[in-house]
PDB file of N, CA and C in Angstrom:
ATOM      1  N   UNK A   1       0.707  -1.118   0.059  1.00  0.00           N
ATOM      2  CA  UNK A   1      -0.105   0.047  -0.026  1.00  0.00           C
ATOM      3  C   UNK A   1       0.768   1.198  -0.010  1.00  0.00           C
ATOM      4  N   UNK A   2       0.277   2.231  -0.657  1.00  0.00           N
ATOM      5  CA  UNK A   2       1.238   3.475  -0.766  1.00  0.00           C
ATOM      6  C   UNK A   2       0.746   4.296   0.556  1.00  0.00           C
ATOM      7  N   UNK A   3       1.517   5.345   0.625  1.00  0.00           N
ATOM      8  CA  UNK A   3       1.265   6.311   1.754  1.00  0.00           C
ATOM      9  C   UNK A   3      -0.055   7.022   1.797  1.00  0.00           C
ATOM     10  N   UNK A   4      -0.391   7.277   0.444  1.00  0.00           N
ATOM     11  CA  UNK A   4      -1.881   7.833   0.354  1.00  0.00           C
ATOM     12  C   UNK A   4      -2.890   7.003   0.797  1.00  0.00           C
ATOM     13  N   UNK A   5      -2.797   5.848   0.332  1.00  0.00           N
ATOM     14  CA  UNK A   5      -3.866   4.727   0.765  1.00  0.00           C
ATOM     15  C   UNK A   5      -4.108   4.629   2.242  1.00  0.00           C
ATOM     16  N   UNK A   6      -2.756   4.594   2.904  1.00  0.00           N
ATOM     17  CA  UNK A   6      -2.733   4.547   4.408  1.00  0.00           C
ATOM     18  C   UNK A   6      -3.498   5.577   5.093  1.00  0.00           C
ATOM     19  N   UNK A   7      -3.062   6.858   4.499  1.00  0.00           N
ATOM     20  CA  UNK A   7      -3.774   8.115   4.997  1.00  0.00           C
ATOM     21  C   UNK A   7      -5.247   8.075   4.862  1.00  0.00           C
ATOM     22  N   UNK A   8      -5.687   7.633   3.639  1.00  0.00           N
ATOM     23  CA  UNK A   8      -7.067   7.580   3.465  1.00  0.00           C
ATOM     24  C   UNK A   8      -7.877   6.568   4.321  1.00  0.00           C
ATOM     25  N   UNK A   9      -7.242   5.471   4.679  1.00  0.00           N
ATOM     26  CA  UNK A   9      -7.752   4.619   5.321  1.00  0.00           C
ATOM     27  C   UNK A   9      -7.972   5.151   6.814  1.00  0.00           C
ATOM     28  N   UNK A  10      -6.759   5.663   7.195  1.00  0.00           N
ATOM     29  CA  UNK A  10      -6.989   6.330   8.588  1.00  0.00           C
ATOM     30  C   UNK A  10      -7.927   7.506   8.692  1.00  0.00           C
ATOM     31  N   UNK A  11      -8.146   8.348   7.705  1.00  0.00           N
ATOM     32  CA  UNK A  11      -9.009   9.238   7.754  1.00  0.00           C
ATOM     33  C   UNK A  11     -10.481   8.658   7.772  1.00  0.00           C
ATOM     34  N   UNK A  12     -10.686   7.606   7.099  1.00  0.00           N
ATOM     35  CA  UNK A  12     -11.929   6.734   6.908  1.00  0.00           C
ATOM     36  C   UNK A  12     -12.224   6.317   8.306  1.00  0.00           C
ATOM     37  N   UNK A  13     -11.295   5.820   9.082  1.00  0.00           N
ATOM     38  CA  UNK A  13     -11.393   5.311  10.404  1.00  0.00           C
ATOM     39  C   UNK A  13     -11.865   6.411  11.365  1.00  0.00           C
ATOM     40  N   UNK A  14     -11.236   7.499  11.216  1.00  0.00           N
ATOM     41  CA  UNK A  14     -11.560   8.692  12.067  1.00  0.00           C
ATOM     42  C   UNK A  14     -12.981   9.126  11.824  1.00  0.00           C
ATOM     43  N   UNK A  15     -13.442   9.243  10.556  1.00  0.00           N
ATOM     44  CA  UNK A  15     -14.701   9.555  10.332  1.00  0.00           C
ATOM     45  C   UNK A  15     -15.785   8.539  10.850  1.00  0.00           C
ATOM     46  N   UNK A  16     -15.528   7.348  10.733  1.00  0.00           N
ATOM     47  CA  UNK A  16     -16.400   6.233  11.382  1.00  0.00           C
ATOM     48  C   UNK A  16     -16.465   6.434  12.728  1.00  0.00           C
ATOM     49  N   UNK A  17     -15.301   6.657  13.599  1.00  0.00           N
ATOM     50  CA  UNK A  17     -15.409   6.885  14.929  1.00  0.00           C
ATOM     51  C   UNK A  17     -16.222   8.012  15.202  1.00  0.00           C
ATOM     52  N   UNK A  18     -15.938   9.317  14.597  1.00  0.00           N
ATOM     53  CA  UNK A  18     -16.641  10.459  14.869  1.00  0.00           C
ATOM     54  C   UNK A  18     -18.207  10.248  14.531  1.00  0.00           C
ATOM     55  N   UNK A  19     -18.517   9.623  13.611  1.00  0.00           N
ATOM     56  CA  UNK A  19     -19.984   9.385  13.207  1.00  0.00           C
ATOM     57  C   UNK A  19     -20.656   8.478  14.378  1.00  0.00           C
ATOM     58  N   UNK A  20     -19.846   7.491  14.978  1.00  0.00           N
ATOM     59  CA  UNK A  20     -20.263   6.806  15.962  1.00  0.00           C
ATOM     60  C   UNK A  20     -20.442   7.482  17.314  1.00  0.00           C
ATOM     61  N   UNK A  21     -19.516   8.477  17.511  1.00  0.00           N
ATOM     62  CA  UNK A  21     -19.603   9.020  18.842  1.00  0.00           C
ATOM     63  C   UNK A  21     -20.827  10.222  18.628  1.00  0.00           C
ATOM     64  N   UNK A  22     -21.008  10.814  17.478  1.00  0.00           N
ATOM     65  CA  UNK A  22     -22.026  11.766  17.253  1.00  0.00           C
ATOM     66  C   UNK A  22     -23.414  11.049  17.501  1.00  0.00           C
ATOM     67  N   UNK A  23     -23.488   9.919  17.060  1.00  0.00           N
ATOM     68  CA  UNK A  23     -24.780   9.017  17.341  1.00  0.00           C
ATOM     69  C   UNK A  23     -24.899   8.836  18.687  1.00  0.00           C
ATOM     70  N   UNK A  24     -23.888   8.524  19.477  1.00  0.00           N
ATOM     71  CA  UNK A  24     -24.199   8.298  20.904  1.00  0.00           C
ATOM     72  C   UNK A  24     -24.599   9.583  21.560  1.00  0.00           C
ATOM     73  N   UNK A  25     -23.971  10.638  21.327  1.00  0.00           N
ATOM     74  CA  UNK A  25     -24.130  11.933  21.799  1.00  0.00           C
ATOM     75  C   UNK A  25     -25.682  12.291  21.446  1.00  0.00           C
ATOM     76  N   UNK A  26     -26.031  12.135  20.300  1.00  0.00           N
ATOM     77  CA  UNK A  26     -27.407  12.450  19.760  1.00  0.00           C
ATOM     78  C   UNK A  26     -28.421  11.566  20.649  1.00  0.00           C
ATOM     79  N   UNK A  27     -28.222  10.319  20.886  1.00  0.00           N
ATOM     80  CA  UNK A  27     -29.112   9.452  21.751  1.00  0.00           C
ATOM     81  C   UNK A  27     -29.204  10.020  23.088  1.00  0.00           C
ATOM     82  N   UNK A  28     -28.012  10.304  23.426  1.00  0.00           N
ATOM     83  CA  UNK A  28     -27.983  10.763  24.945  1.00  0.00           C
ATOM     84  C   UNK A  28     -28.831  12.071  25.191  1.00  0.00           C
ATOM     85  N   UNK A  29     -28.668  12.958  24.227  1.00  0.00           N
ATOM     86  CA  UNK A  29     -29.416  14.226  24.246  1.00  0.00           C
ATOM     87  C   UNK A  29     -30.806  14.092  24.053  1.00  0.00           C
ATOM     88  N   UNK A  30     -31.256  13.212  23.191  1.00  0.00           N
ATOM     89  CA  UNK A  30     -32.611  12.898  23.010  1.00  0.00           C
ATOM     90  C   UNK A  30     -33.296  12.362  24.282  1.00  0.00           C
ATOM     91  N   UNK A  31     -32.668  11.331  25.017  1.00  0.00           N
ATOM     92  CA  UNK A  31     -33.023  10.763  26.284  1.00  0.00           C
ATOM     93  C   UNK A  31     -33.093  12.066  27.443  1.00  0.00           C
ATOM     94  N   UNK A  32     -32.198  13.021  27.375  1.00  0.00           N
ATOM     95  CA  UNK A  32     -32.400  13.989  28.291  1.00  0.00           C
ATOM     96  C   UNK A  32     -33.507  14.934  27.987  1.00  0.00           C
ATOM     97  N   UNK A  33     -33.770  15.147  26.666  1.00  0.00           N
ATOM     98  CA  UNK A  33     -34.840  15.927  26.165  1.00  0.00           C
ATOM     99  C   UNK A  33     -36.192  15.418  26.588  1.00  0.00           C
ATOM    100  N   UNK A  34     -36.208  13.990  26.509  1.00  0.00           N
ATOM    101  CA  UNK A  34     -37.526  13.300  26.919  1.00  0.00           C
ATOM    102  C   UNK A  34     -37.708  13.401  28.496  1.00  0.00           C
ATOM    103  N   UNK A  35     -36.675  13.161  29.040  1.00  0.00           N
ATOM    104  CA  UNK A  35     -36.858  13.396  30.675  1.00  0.00           C
ATOM    105  C   UNK A  35     -37.300  14.774  30.994  1.00  0.00           C
ATOM    106  N   UNK A  36     -36.663  15.687  30.434  1.00  0.00           N
ATOM    107  CA  UNK A  36     -36.819  17.010  30.485  1.00  0.00           C
ATOM    108  C   UNK A  36     -38.404  17.448  30.278  1.00  0.00           C
ATOM    109  N   UNK A  37     -38.892  17.007  29.254  1.00  0.00           N
ATOM    110  CA  UNK A  37     -40.415  17.142  28.996  1.00  0.00           C
ATOM    111  C   UNK A  37     -41.262  16.426  30.034  1.00  0.00           C
ATOM    112  N   UNK A  38     -40.760  15.304  30.493  1.00  0.00           N
ATOM    113  CA  UNK A  38     -41.653  14.675  31.489  1.00  0.00           C
ATOM    114  C   UNK A  38     -41.519  15.539  32.773  1.00  0.00           C
ATOM    115  N   UNK A  39     -40.386  16.148  33.130  1.00  0.00           N
ATOM    116  CA  UNK A  39     -40.238  16.826  34.348  1.00  0.00           C
ATOM    117  C   UNK A  39     -41.030  18.155  34.322  1.00  0.00           C
ATOM    118  N   UNK A  40     -40.963  18.737  33.088  1.00  0.00           N
ATOM    119  CA  UNK A  40     -41.848  19.938  32.871  1.00  0.00           C
ATOM    120  C   UNK A  40     -43.186  19.746  33.106  1.00  0.00           C
ATOM    121  N   UNK A  41     -43.735  18.614  32.619  1.00  0.00           N
ATOM    122  CA  UNK A  41     -45.258  18.232  32.820  1.00  0.00           C
ATOM    123  C   UNK A  41     -45.492  17.984  34.454  1.00  0.00           C
ATOM    124  N   UNK A  42     -44.579  17.261  35.061  1.00  0.00           N
ATOM    125  CA  UNK A  42     -44.686  16.977  36.438  1.00  0.00           C
ATOM    126  C   UNK A  42     -44.683  18.242  37.162  1.00  0.00           C
ATOM    127  N   UNK A  43     -43.934  19.187  36.866  1.00  0.00           N
ATOM    128  CA  UNK A  43     -43.754  20.468  37.550  1.00  0.00           C
ATOM    129  C   UNK A  43     -45.012  21.387  37.314  1.00  0.00           C
ATOM    130  N   UNK A  44     -45.501  21.350  36.193  1.00  0.00           N
ATOM    131  CA  UNK A  44     -46.729  22.066  35.850  1.00  0.00           C
ATOM    132  C   UNK A  44     -47.893  21.466  36.721  1.00  0.00           C
ATOM    133  N   UNK A  45     -47.949  20.230  36.959  1.00  0.00           N
ATOM    134  CA  UNK A  45     -48.892  19.594  37.750  1.00  0.00           C
ATOM    135  C   UNK A  45     -48.897  19.905  39.061  1.00  0.00           C
ATOM    136  N   UNK A  46     -47.655  19.772  39.795  1.00  0.00           N
ATOM    137  CA  UNK A  46     -47.349  20.371  41.118  1.00  0.00           C
ATOM    138  C   UNK A  46     -47.673  21.668  41.227  1.00  0.00           C
ATOM    139  N   UNK A  47     -47.179  22.522  40.359  1.00  0.00           N
ATOM    140  CA  UNK A  47     -47.597  23.922  40.439  1.00  0.00           C
ATOM    141  C   UNK A  47     -49.061  24.265  40.729  1.00  0.00           C
ATOM    142  N   UNK A  48     -49.807  23.469  39.806  1.00  0.00           N
ATOM    143  CA  UNK A  48     -51.274  23.578  39.856  1.00  0.00           C
ATOM    144  C   UNK A  48     -51.939  23.194  41.374  1.00  0.00           C
ATOM    145  N   UNK A  49     -51.110  22.159  41.828  1.00  0.00           N
ATOM    146  CA  UNK A  49     -51.674  21.767  43.250  1.00  0.00           C
ATOM    147  C   UNK A  49     -51.149  22.774  44.325  1.00  0.00           C
ATOM    148  N   UNK A  50     -50.101  23.287  44.078  1.00  0.00           N
ATOM    149  CA  UNK A  50     -49.536  24.293  45.316  1.00  0.00           C
ATOM    150  C   UNK A  50     -50.385  25.537  45.075  1.00  0.00           C
ATOM    151  N   UNK A  51     -50.754  25.958  43.820  1.00  0.00           N
ATOM    152  CA  UNK A  51     -51.438  27.240  43.934  1.00  0.00           C
ATOM    153  C   UNK A  51     -52.885  27.151  43.904  1.00  0.00           C
ATOM    154  N   UNK A  52     -53.395  25.870  44.068  1.00  0.00           N
ATOM    155  CA  UNK A  52     -55.018  25.850  44.303  1.00  0.00           C
ATOM    156  C   UNK A  52     -55.382  25.882  45.868  1.00  0.00           C
ATOM    157  N   UNK A  53     -55.928  26.961  46.166  1.00  0.00           N
ATOM    158  CA  UNK A  53     -56.208  27.216  47.599  1.00  0.00           C
ATOM    159  C   UNK A  53     -57.325  26.109  47.893  1.00  0.00           C
ATOM    160  N   UNK A  54     -57.950  25.395  47.215  1.00  0.00           N
ATOM    161  CA  UNK A  54     -58.829  24.458  47.667  1.00  0.00           C
ATOM    162  C   UNK A  54     -58.420  22.946  47.491  1.00  0.00           C
ATOM    163  N   UNK A  55     -57.156  22.867  47.179  1.00  0.00           N
ATOM    164  CA  UNK A  55     -56.603  21.579  47.062  1.00  0.00           C
ATOM    165  C   UNK A  55     -56.716  20.735  48.280  1.00  0.00           C
ATOM    166  N   UNK A  56     -56.952  19.822  48.398  1.00  0.00           N
ATOM    167  CA  UNK A  56     -57.004  18.732  49.529  1.00  0.00           C
ATOM    168  C   UNK A  56     -56.115  17.590  49.477  1.00  0.00           C
ATOM    169  N   UNK A  57     -55.601  17.096  50.570  1.00  0.00           N
ATOM    170  CA  UNK A  57     -54.794  15.940  50.569  1.00  0.00           C
ATOM    171  C   UNK A  57     -55.558  14.817  51.073  1.00  0.00           C
ATOM    172  N   UNK A  58     -54.904  13.549  50.730  1.00  0.00           N
ATOM    173  CA  UNK A  58     -55.753  12.309  51.202  1.00  0.00           C
ATOM    174  C   UNK A  58     -55.791  12.675  52.616  1.00  0.00           C
ATOM    175  N   UNK A  59     -56.828  11.746  53.290  1.00  0.00           N
ATOM    176  CA  UNK A  59     -56.974  11.733  54.628  1.00  0.00           C
ATOM    177  C   UNK A  59     -55.822  11.097  55.448  1.00  0.00           C
ATOM    178  N   UNK A  60     -55.296  10.077  54.758  1.00  0.00           N
ATOM    179  CA  UNK A  60     -54.178   9.386  55.489  1.00  0.00           C
ATOM    180  C   UNK A  60     -52.907  10.414  55.417  1.00  0.00           C
ATOM    181  N   UNK A  61     -52.833  11.300  54.638  1.00  0.00           N
ATOM    182  CA  UNK A  61     -51.821  12.405  54.672  1.00  0.00           C
ATOM    183  C   UNK A  61     -52.062  13.615  55.487  1.00  0.00           C
ATOM    184  N   UNK A  62     -53.273  13.778  56.106  1.00  0.00           N
ATOM    185  CA  UNK A  62     -53.501  14.825  56.708  1.00  0.00           C
ATOM    186  C   UNK A  62     -52.979  14.479  58.255  1.00  0.00           C
ATOM    187  N   UNK A  63     -52.408  15.617  58.858  1.00  0.00           N
ATOM    188  CA  UNK A  63     -51.930  15.473  60.247  1.00  0.00           C
ATOM    189  C   UNK A  63     -53.064  15.943  61.109  1.00  0.00           C
ATOM    190  N   UNK A  64     -53.330  15.315  62.097  1.00  0.00           N
ATOM    191  CA  UNK A  64     -54.451  15.645  63.109  1.00  0.00           C
ATOM    192  C   UNK A  64     -53.954  16.848  63.872  1.00  0.00           C
ATOM    193  N   UNK A  65     -54.964  17.567  64.360  1.00  0.00           N
ATOM    194  CA  UNK A  65     -54.582  18.777  65.120  1.00  0.00           C
ATOM    195  C   UNK A  65     -53.953  18.300  66.521  1.00  0.00           C
ATOM    196  N   UNK A  66     -53.128  19.193  67.171  1.00  0.00           N
ATOM    197  CA  UNK A  66     -52.292  18.709  68.342  1.00  0.00           C
ATOM    198  C   UNK A  66     -53.317  18.237  69.441  1.00  0.00           C
ATOM    199  N   UNK A  67     -54.487  18.687  69.574  1.00  0.00           N
ATOM    200  CA  UNK A  67     -55.459  18.390  70.669  1.00  0.00           C
ATOM    201  C   UNK A  67     -55.836  16.923  70.594  1.00  0.00           C
ATOM    202  N   UNK A  68     -55.634  16.236  69.479  1.00  0.00           N
ATOM    203  CA  UNK A  68     -56.277  14.838  69.362  1.00  0.00           C
ATOM    204  C   UNK A  68     -55.096  13.917  69.935  1.00  0.00           C
TER     205      UNK A  68
END
């Protein structure tokens, strides 16, 4: 093999590695984005519960007054 062929092969290997790493990072970021969307929905739900003055808790979660 000539020097040029070896360099081309090395460049092709680097490109393949970079494509693989880019795919991994893309999958990781997609996973983070999905988790972020879920957390946004959960936070919006919790916000409605906190801001609702008529929101009630389950009876099992209610703390009895101190005189009981």
